[in-house]
């Protein structure tokens, strides 16, 4: 149901989108905490990558679609642990032909394999996206090779590990060694990135070219990130821009957890939890469509900043001086005696604190 609604919204949104705009699928997962649950089905001990520790709950693997402006969640899988020893909740027996049984079986498989299954379902439903974006947790040569078989190009951030090697100018080397060689080569550094070499990697005997983009992290040459894609024709700036879209799914998780009760439910059954997440995604689809059609004042250009600019604060002395001058002008119009006004103002100034009275006298 979630994917069906998203497909209709994508078709609607594409009427207002330039056909030259690159469409992309985005893969990521988020922690679904259930710290105080004991009897929740398929409840497991899962690892939180952000806090680097284990929690009781699930991992919510999510696949979304983006055209650079609007993000729509397409499908999800509520992932348990693939290791039986890490699962607290028991697995109920169901008819293996049912969707319920398929979801439970899917929850105990490896997350990278399930991510490819979600991509397959999106492609079969008619969604045309040439790129798939993901973070370093899903980035591996096999993931890029698997996406190429599906006629998609992956764009992801590489891990700085010594377990993965690439061939560059006839030599096998890991990312850190490759970066050190590029530094020694004295290649000119670009404004938006450091280097962009083309390397090859091998999967099942097949050599696949890949373009890497080394980007500085916070302006420090020693702190760098490495983006990779099998679409070697993309310019480095375009690769950086495309990978920046991945942040949209992070914004989805933030909105879902803060406003849509993402993991705030007392449902115990696995089917009920899947239904709850489906309602969260449907609610977000409505918000995303409303945001797309909303009339934003920022289209007024500089007037938006003028409207939003706060009024300047004036000093108390200046305000009192302005008040006295205004009252004096009114008194002259009403033919009041100047001596009477001066007497009133003198008594008013005497009633003020000494420091403020002196400042007001100097201002006059």
Protein backbone atom coordinates (compact mmCIF):
# COMPACT_ATOMS: atom_id res chain seq x y z
CA UNK A 1 0.00 0.00 0.00
CA UNK A 2 2.83 2.42 0.86
CA UNK A 3 4.62 1.74 -2.42
CA UNK A 4 1.40 1.99 -4.42
CA UNK A 5 0.61 5.43 -3.01
CA UNK A 6 4.22 6.56 -3.53
CA UNK A 7 4.08 5.49 -7.19
CA UNK A 8 0.96 7.61 -7.78
CA UNK A 9 2.57 10.58 -6.03
CA UNK A 10 5.74 10.19 -8.10
CA UNK A 11 3.69 10.20 -11.30
CA UNK A 12 1.89 13.32 -10.10
CA UNK A 13 5.10 15.11 -9.09
CA UNK A 14 6.81 14.29 -12.39
CA UNK A 15 4.33 16.53 -14.22
CA UNK A 16 6.06 19.51 -12.58
CA UNK A 17 9.63 18.19 -12.80
CA UNK A 18 12.15 18.77 -15.55
CA UNK A 19 12.70 15.40 -17.29
CA UNK A 20 16.45 16.10 -17.30
CA UNK A 21 16.54 16.03 -13.50
CA UNK A 22 18.24 12.90 -12.19
CA UNK A 23 16.00 10.61 -10.14
CA UNK A 24 17.50 8.42 -7.44
CA UNK A 25 16.61 5.74 -4.94
CA UNK A 26 17.98 6.14 -1.41
CA UNK A 27 18.71 3.29 1.00
CA UNK A 28 19.26 3.69 4.73
CA UNK A 29 18.15 2.26 8.05
CA UNK A 30 17.31 3.66 11.47
CA UNK A 31 17.04 2.22 14.95
CA UNK A 32 13.55 1.21 16.11
CA UNK A 33 13.93 1.02 19.89
CA UNK A 34 11.89 -1.30 22.10
CA UNK A 35 13.94 -1.12 25.29
CA UNK A 36 11.11 -2.08 27.67
CA UNK A 37 9.54 -4.81 25.58
CA UNK A 38 9.85 -8.50 26.39
CA UNK A 39 7.24 -10.32 24.37
CA UNK A 40 7.44 -8.42 21.07
CA UNK A 41 7.75 -10.86 18.20
CA UNK A 42 11.21 -11.03 16.59
CA UNK A 43 12.57 -8.52 19.10
CA UNK A 44 16.37 -8.59 18.84
CA UNK A 45 19.59 -7.15 20.12
CA UNK A 46 20.58 -4.67 17.38
CA UNK A 47 23.56 -2.38 16.99
CA UNK A 48 23.22 1.40 16.83
CA UNK A 49 25.89 2.80 14.48
CA UNK A 50 25.56 6.33 15.89
CA UNK A 51 26.08 5.50 19.57
CA UNK A 52 28.19 2.41 18.90
CA UNK A 53 26.25 0.21 21.31
CA UNK A 54 23.52 -2.42 21.33
CA UNK A 55 19.82 -1.83 22.03
CA UNK A 56 16.69 -3.94 22.12
CA UNK A 57 14.54 -3.34 19.07
CA UNK A 58 14.72 -3.50 15.29
CA UNK A 59 16.46 -1.85 12.36
CA UNK A 60 14.04 -0.13 10.00
CA UNK A 61 15.49 -0.55 6.53
CA UNK A 62 13.90 2.06 4.26
CA UNK A 63 13.95 2.68 0.53
CA UNK A 64 12.95 6.12 -0.75
CA UNK A 65 12.73 8.06 -4.00
CA UNK A 66 14.04 11.57 -4.62
CA UNK A 67 14.14 14.00 -7.51
CA UNK A 68 16.32 16.42 -5.58
CA UNK A 69 13.36 18.38 -4.27
CA UNK A 70 10.85 15.90 -2.88
CA UNK A 71 11.59 12.72 -0.94
CA UNK A 72 8.99 9.96 -0.78
CA UNK A 73 9.47 6.71 1.21
CA UNK A 74 8.71 3.73 -1.02
CA UNK A 75 9.08 0.58 1.03
CA UNK A 76 10.57 -0.74 4.25
CA UNK A 77 11.62 -3.90 6.06
CA UNK A 78 11.52 -4.16 9.84
CA UNK A 79 14.76 -6.04 10.37
CA UNK A 80 15.51 -8.34 13.28
CA UNK A 81 18.86 -10.11 13.75
CA UNK A 82 20.14 -12.75 11.37
CA UNK A 83 21.64 -14.58 14.37
CA UNK A 84 19.15 -16.58 16.42
CA UNK A 85 21.10 -16.02 19.63
CA UNK A 86 20.47 -12.25 19.37
CA UNK A 87 16.69 -12.62 19.02
CA UNK A 88 14.52 -12.34 22.14
CA UNK A 89 11.09 -12.64 20.59
CA UNK A 90 10.01 -15.98 19.19
CA UNK A 91 9.13 -16.47 15.53
CA UNK A 92 5.50 -17.46 14.99
CA UNK A 93 4.67 -20.07 12.38
CA UNK A 94 2.61 -18.81 9.44
CA UNK A 95 1.58 -20.00 6.04
CA UNK A 96 4.77 -19.56 4.00
CA UNK A 97 2.73 -18.36 1.01
CA UNK A 98 1.38 -15.36 2.92
CA UNK A 99 2.89 -11.89 2.95
CA UNK A 100 3.15 -12.07 6.73
CA UNK A 101 5.43 -15.12 6.57
CA UNK A 102 7.55 -13.58 3.82
CA UNK A 103 8.10 -10.44 5.89
CA UNK A 104 9.16 -12.49 8.90
CA UNK A 105 11.60 -14.51 6.83
CA UNK A 106 12.93 -11.33 5.26
CA UNK A 107 13.53 -9.81 8.72
CA UNK A 108 16.10 -12.48 9.59
CA UNK A 109 18.23 -12.18 6.46
CA UNK A 110 21.24 -9.94 5.87
CA UNK A 111 20.33 -6.29 5.48
CA UNK A 112 22.34 -5.77 2.29
CA UNK A 113 20.47 -8.62 0.58
CA UNK A 114 17.12 -7.25 1.72
CA UNK A 115 18.09 -3.79 0.44
CA UNK A 116 18.56 -5.23 -3.04
CA UNK A 117 15.16 -6.95 -2.75
CA UNK A 118 13.53 -3.59 -2.03
CA UNK A 119 15.28 -2.12 -5.07
CA UNK A 120 13.99 -5.01 -7.20
CA UNK A 121 10.42 -4.40 -6.03
CA UNK A 122 10.70 -0.71 -6.85
CA UNK A 123 12.03 -1.43 -10.34
CA UNK A 124 9.29 -4.01 -11.02
CA UNK A 125 6.64 -1.48 -9.98
CA UNK A 126 7.78 0.85 -12.78
CA UNK A 127 9.89 3.39 -10.87
CA UNK A 128 12.62 4.65 -13.18
CA UNK A 129 15.65 5.71 -11.17
CA UNK A 130 19.13 5.47 -12.61
CA UNK A 131 21.00 5.99 -9.36
CA UNK A 132 20.94 4.37 -5.91
CA UNK A 133 22.41 6.31 -2.98
CA UNK A 134 23.65 4.76 0.25
CA UNK A 135 26.12 5.39 3.05
CA UNK A 136 29.31 3.54 3.93
CA UNK A 137 27.49 0.73 5.76
CA UNK A 138 26.10 -0.60 2.44
CA UNK A 139 29.06 0.35 0.27
CA UNK A 140 30.97 -2.65 -1.05
CA UNK A 141 32.16 -3.81 -4.48
CA UNK A 142 29.47 -6.50 -4.51
CA UNK A 143 26.75 -3.93 -3.91
CA UNK A 144 27.95 -1.84 -6.88
CA UNK A 145 28.17 -4.96 -9.06
CA UNK A 146 24.68 -6.11 -8.04
CA UNK A 147 23.20 -2.70 -8.89
CA UNK A 148 24.89 -2.73 -12.31
CA UNK A 149 23.10 -6.00 -13.08
CA UNK A 150 19.87 -4.13 -12.35
CA UNK A 151 20.92 -1.32 -14.75
CA UNK A 152 21.45 1.10 -11.86
CA UNK A 153 24.53 3.00 -10.76
CA UNK A 154 25.38 3.18 -7.09
CA UNK A 155 26.75 6.30 -5.41
CA UNK A 156 28.11 5.77 -1.92
CA UNK A 157 30.79 6.64 0.57
CA UNK A 158 33.67 4.17 0.83
CA UNK A 159 35.05 2.85 4.09
CA UNK A 160 38.72 3.46 4.79
CA UNK A 161 39.48 -0.20 5.28
CA UNK A 162 42.38 -2.41 4.32
CA UNK A 163 40.03 -5.28 3.43
CA UNK A 164 38.96 -3.78 0.08
CA UNK A 165 41.47 -3.20 -2.71
CA UNK A 166 41.22 -1.30 -5.98
CA UNK A 167 43.51 -1.40 -8.99
CA UNK A 168 45.03 1.94 -9.96
CA UNK A 169 47.70 2.18 -12.67
CA UNK A 170 48.41 -1.53 -12.49
CA UNK A 171 48.74 -1.72 -8.70
CA UNK A 172 46.38 -3.11 -6.07
CA UNK A 173 45.91 -0.75 -3.12
CA UNK A 174 43.41 0.20 -0.45
CA UNK A 175 41.90 3.66 -0.07
CA UNK A 176 44.48 5.02 2.36
CA UNK A 177 47.38 3.86 0.21
CA UNK A 178 45.75 5.32 -2.89
CA UNK A 179 45.27 8.68 -1.16
CA UNK A 180 48.91 8.72 -0.04
CA UNK A 181 50.06 8.03 -3.62
CA UNK A 182 47.86 10.81 -4.96
CA UNK A 183 49.31 13.22 -2.40
CA UNK A 184 52.86 12.32 -3.46
CA UNK A 185 52.02 12.70 -7.13
CA UNK A 186 51.47 16.45 -6.58
CA UNK A 187 48.30 16.50 -8.64
CA UNK A 188 46.59 19.91 -8.49
CA UNK A 189 43.83 20.12 -5.90
CA UNK A 190 40.46 21.40 -7.14
CA UNK A 191 38.27 23.95 -5.41
CA UNK A 192 35.42 21.57 -4.52
CA UNK A 193 37.35 18.32 -4.14
CA UNK A 194 40.88 16.95 -3.91
CA UNK A 195 41.27 14.17 -6.48
CA UNK A 196 39.04 12.17 -8.81
CA UNK A 197 40.84 9.05 -10.14
CA UNK A 198 39.24 6.16 -12.01
CA UNK A 199 40.02 2.73 -10.55
CA UNK A 200 38.82 -0.81 -11.19
CA UNK A 201 37.64 -3.55 -8.86
CA UNK A 202 36.94 -7.20 -9.52
CA UNK A 203 33.83 -9.17 -8.55
CA UNK A 204 33.46 -12.81 -9.59
CA UNK A 205 36.15 -12.41 -12.22
CA UNK A 206 34.57 -9.32 -13.79
CA UNK A 207 36.49 -6.03 -13.78
CA UNK A 208 34.33 -2.96 -13.21
CA UNK A 209 35.54 0.66 -13.52
CA UNK A 210 34.70 3.11 -10.77
CA UNK A 211 35.25 6.83 -10.28
CA UNK A 212 36.38 8.01 -6.85
CA UNK A 213 36.08 11.54 -5.49
CA UNK A 214 38.22 12.57 -2.51
CA UNK A 215 36.54 15.40 -0.61
CA UNK A 216 38.06 17.28 2.30
CA UNK A 217 36.24 17.08 5.60
CA UNK A 218 35.83 20.51 7.21
CA UNK A 219 38.65 21.98 5.17
CA UNK A 220 41.33 19.65 6.60
CA UNK A 221 43.47 17.84 4.05
CA UNK A 222 44.13 14.90 6.37
CA UNK A 223 40.41 14.52 7.13
CA UNK A 224 38.79 13.37 3.90
CA UNK A 225 35.79 11.45 2.60
CA UNK A 226 35.75 9.20 -0.45
CA UNK A 227 32.70 9.00 -2.72
CA UNK A 228 32.45 6.31 -5.37
CA UNK A 229 30.22 5.51 -8.33
CA UNK A 230 30.22 3.17 -11.30
CA UNK A 231 28.89 6.02 -13.47
CA UNK A 232 32.33 7.21 -14.56
CA UNK A 233 30.87 9.80 -16.96
CA UNK A 234 29.59 11.91 -14.05
CA UNK A 235 31.64 14.97 -13.18
CA UNK A 236 33.00 15.05 -9.62
CA UNK A 237 30.79 18.04 -8.77
CA UNK A 238 27.73 16.10 -9.93
CA UNK A 239 28.73 13.08 -7.83
CA UNK A 240 29.04 15.27 -4.74
CA UNK A 241 25.70 16.92 -5.49
CA UNK A 242 23.97 13.59 -6.02
CA UNK A 243 25.33 12.09 -2.82
CA UNK A 244 24.14 15.16 -0.95
CA UNK A 245 20.58 14.06 -1.67
CA UNK A 246 21.07 11.11 0.66
CA UNK A 247 20.55 13.51 3.55
CA UNK A 248 16.85 13.67 2.65
CA UNK A 249 16.24 10.23 4.13
CA UNK A 250 17.90 11.36 7.35
CA UNK A 251 15.44 14.27 7.45
CA UNK A 252 12.62 11.76 6.96
CA UNK A 253 13.77 9.75 9.97
CA UNK A 254 14.01 12.92 12.05
CA UNK A 255 10.48 14.07 11.15
CA UNK A 256 9.08 10.57 11.63
CA UNK A 257 10.58 10.21 15.11
CA UNK A 258 9.80 13.71 16.36
CA UNK A 259 6.33 14.27 14.92
CA UNK A 260 4.91 11.00 13.53
CA UNK A 261 5.50 8.64 16.49
CA UNK A 262 7.94 6.50 14.54
CA UNK A 263 8.87 4.19 17.43
CA UNK A 264 6.28 5.33 19.97
CA UNK A 265 3.82 2.45 19.96
CA UNK A 266 2.71 -0.27 22.35
CA UNK A 267 1.96 -2.83 19.62
CA UNK A 268 3.45 -6.24 20.40
CA UNK A 269 2.88 -8.23 17.22
CA UNK A 270 5.25 -8.00 14.28
CA UNK A 271 2.38 -7.44 11.83
CA UNK A 272 1.09 -4.60 13.99
CA UNK A 273 4.49 -2.93 14.01
CA UNK A 274 4.68 -3.18 10.21
CA UNK A 275 1.22 -1.62 9.98
CA UNK A 276 2.28 1.19 12.32
CA UNK A 277 5.34 1.99 10.15
CA UNK A 278 3.16 1.92 7.04
CA UNK A 279 0.91 4.59 8.59
CA UNK A 280 3.99 6.68 9.47
CA UNK A 281 5.16 6.55 5.84
CA UNK A 282 1.70 7.40 4.50
CA UNK A 283 1.55 10.41 6.83
CA UNK A 284 4.94 11.58 5.64
CA UNK A 285 3.82 11.25 2.01
CA UNK A 286 0.97 13.67 2.73
CA UNK A 287 3.38 16.14 4.35
CA UNK A 288 5.85 15.85 1.47
CA UNK A 289 3.13 16.56 -1.09
CA UNK A 290 1.87 19.53 0.93
CA UNK A 291 5.39 20.92 1.12
CA UNK A 292 5.82 20.49 -2.65
CA UNK A 293 2.64 22.45 -3.39
CA UNK A 294 3.10 25.06 -0.66
CA UNK A 295 3.50 28.67 -1.76
CA UNK A 296 6.74 29.83 -0.19
CA UNK A 297 7.38 33.53 0.45
CA UNK A 298 11.04 32.98 -0.37
CA UNK A 299 10.11 33.23 -4.05
CA UNK A 300 9.90 36.99 -3.44
CA UNK A 301 13.67 37.07 -3.32
CA UNK A 302 15.15 39.91 -1.27
CA UNK A 303 11.73 40.90 0.05
CA UNK A 304 11.66 37.66 2.05
CA UNK A 305 14.77 38.73 3.96
CA UNK A 306 13.34 42.24 4.44
CA UNK A 307 10.14 40.77 5.91
CA UNK A 308 12.12 38.50 8.18
CA UNK A 309 14.59 41.12 9.33
CA UNK A 310 14.02 42.04 13.01
CA UNK A 311 13.34 45.63 13.98
CA UNK A 312 16.41 47.35 15.44
CA UNK A 313 16.44 47.92 19.18
CA UNK A 314 16.62 51.57 20.26
CA UNK A 315 18.11 52.85 23.48
CA UNK A 316 15.81 53.79 26.36
CA UNK A 317 17.25 57.30 26.41
CA UNK A 318 16.44 57.79 22.75
CA UNK A 319 12.89 56.52 23.32
CA UNK A 320 12.34 58.90 26.24
CA UNK A 321 13.79 61.82 24.27
CA UNK A 322 11.45 61.01 21.37
CA UNK A 323 8.50 60.85 23.81
CA UNK A 324 9.33 64.26 25.32
CA UNK A 325 9.67 65.89 21.89
CA UNK A 326 6.38 64.38 20.76
CA UNK A 327 4.53 65.61 23.85
CA UNK A 328 6.11 69.07 23.44
CA UNK A 329 4.86 69.25 19.89
CA UNK A 330 1.37 68.24 20.99
CA UNK A 331 1.46 70.87 23.75
CA UNK A 332 2.35 73.61 21.27
CA UNK A 333 -0.55 72.57 19.02
CA UNK A 334 -2.92 72.70 22.01
CA UNK A 335 -1.55 76.14 23.03
CA UNK A 336 -0.24 74.85 26.34
CA UNK A 337 2.23 77.08 28.19
CA UNK A 338 5.87 76.20 27.55
CA UNK A 339 6.68 76.86 31.19
CA UNK A 340 4.08 74.29 32.28
CA UNK A 341 5.50 71.65 29.94
CA UNK A 342 9.06 72.32 31.09
CA UNK A 343 7.99 72.00 34.71
CA UNK A 344 6.29 68.66 34.01
CA UNK A 345 9.37 67.34 32.18
CA UNK A 346 11.71 68.52 34.94
CA UNK A 347 9.67 66.67 37.54
CA UNK A 348 9.60 63.57 35.28
CA UNK A 349 13.39 63.62 34.84
CA UNK A 350 13.90 64.03 38.59
CA UNK A 351 11.82 60.89 39.17
CA UNK A 352 14.12 58.86 36.91
CA UNK A 353 17.31 57.18 38.16
CA UNK A 354 20.25 59.58 38.35
CA UNK A 355 22.28 57.83 35.65
CA UNK A 356 19.35 57.79 33.22
CA UNK A 357 18.48 61.42 34.04
CA UNK A 358 22.01 62.58 33.22
CA UNK A 359 21.99 60.72 29.92
CA UNK A 360 18.61 62.17 29.02
CA UNK A 361 19.80 65.68 29.87
CA UNK A 362 22.86 65.27 27.64
CA UNK A 363 20.68 63.94 24.80
CA UNK A 364 18.49 67.01 24.97
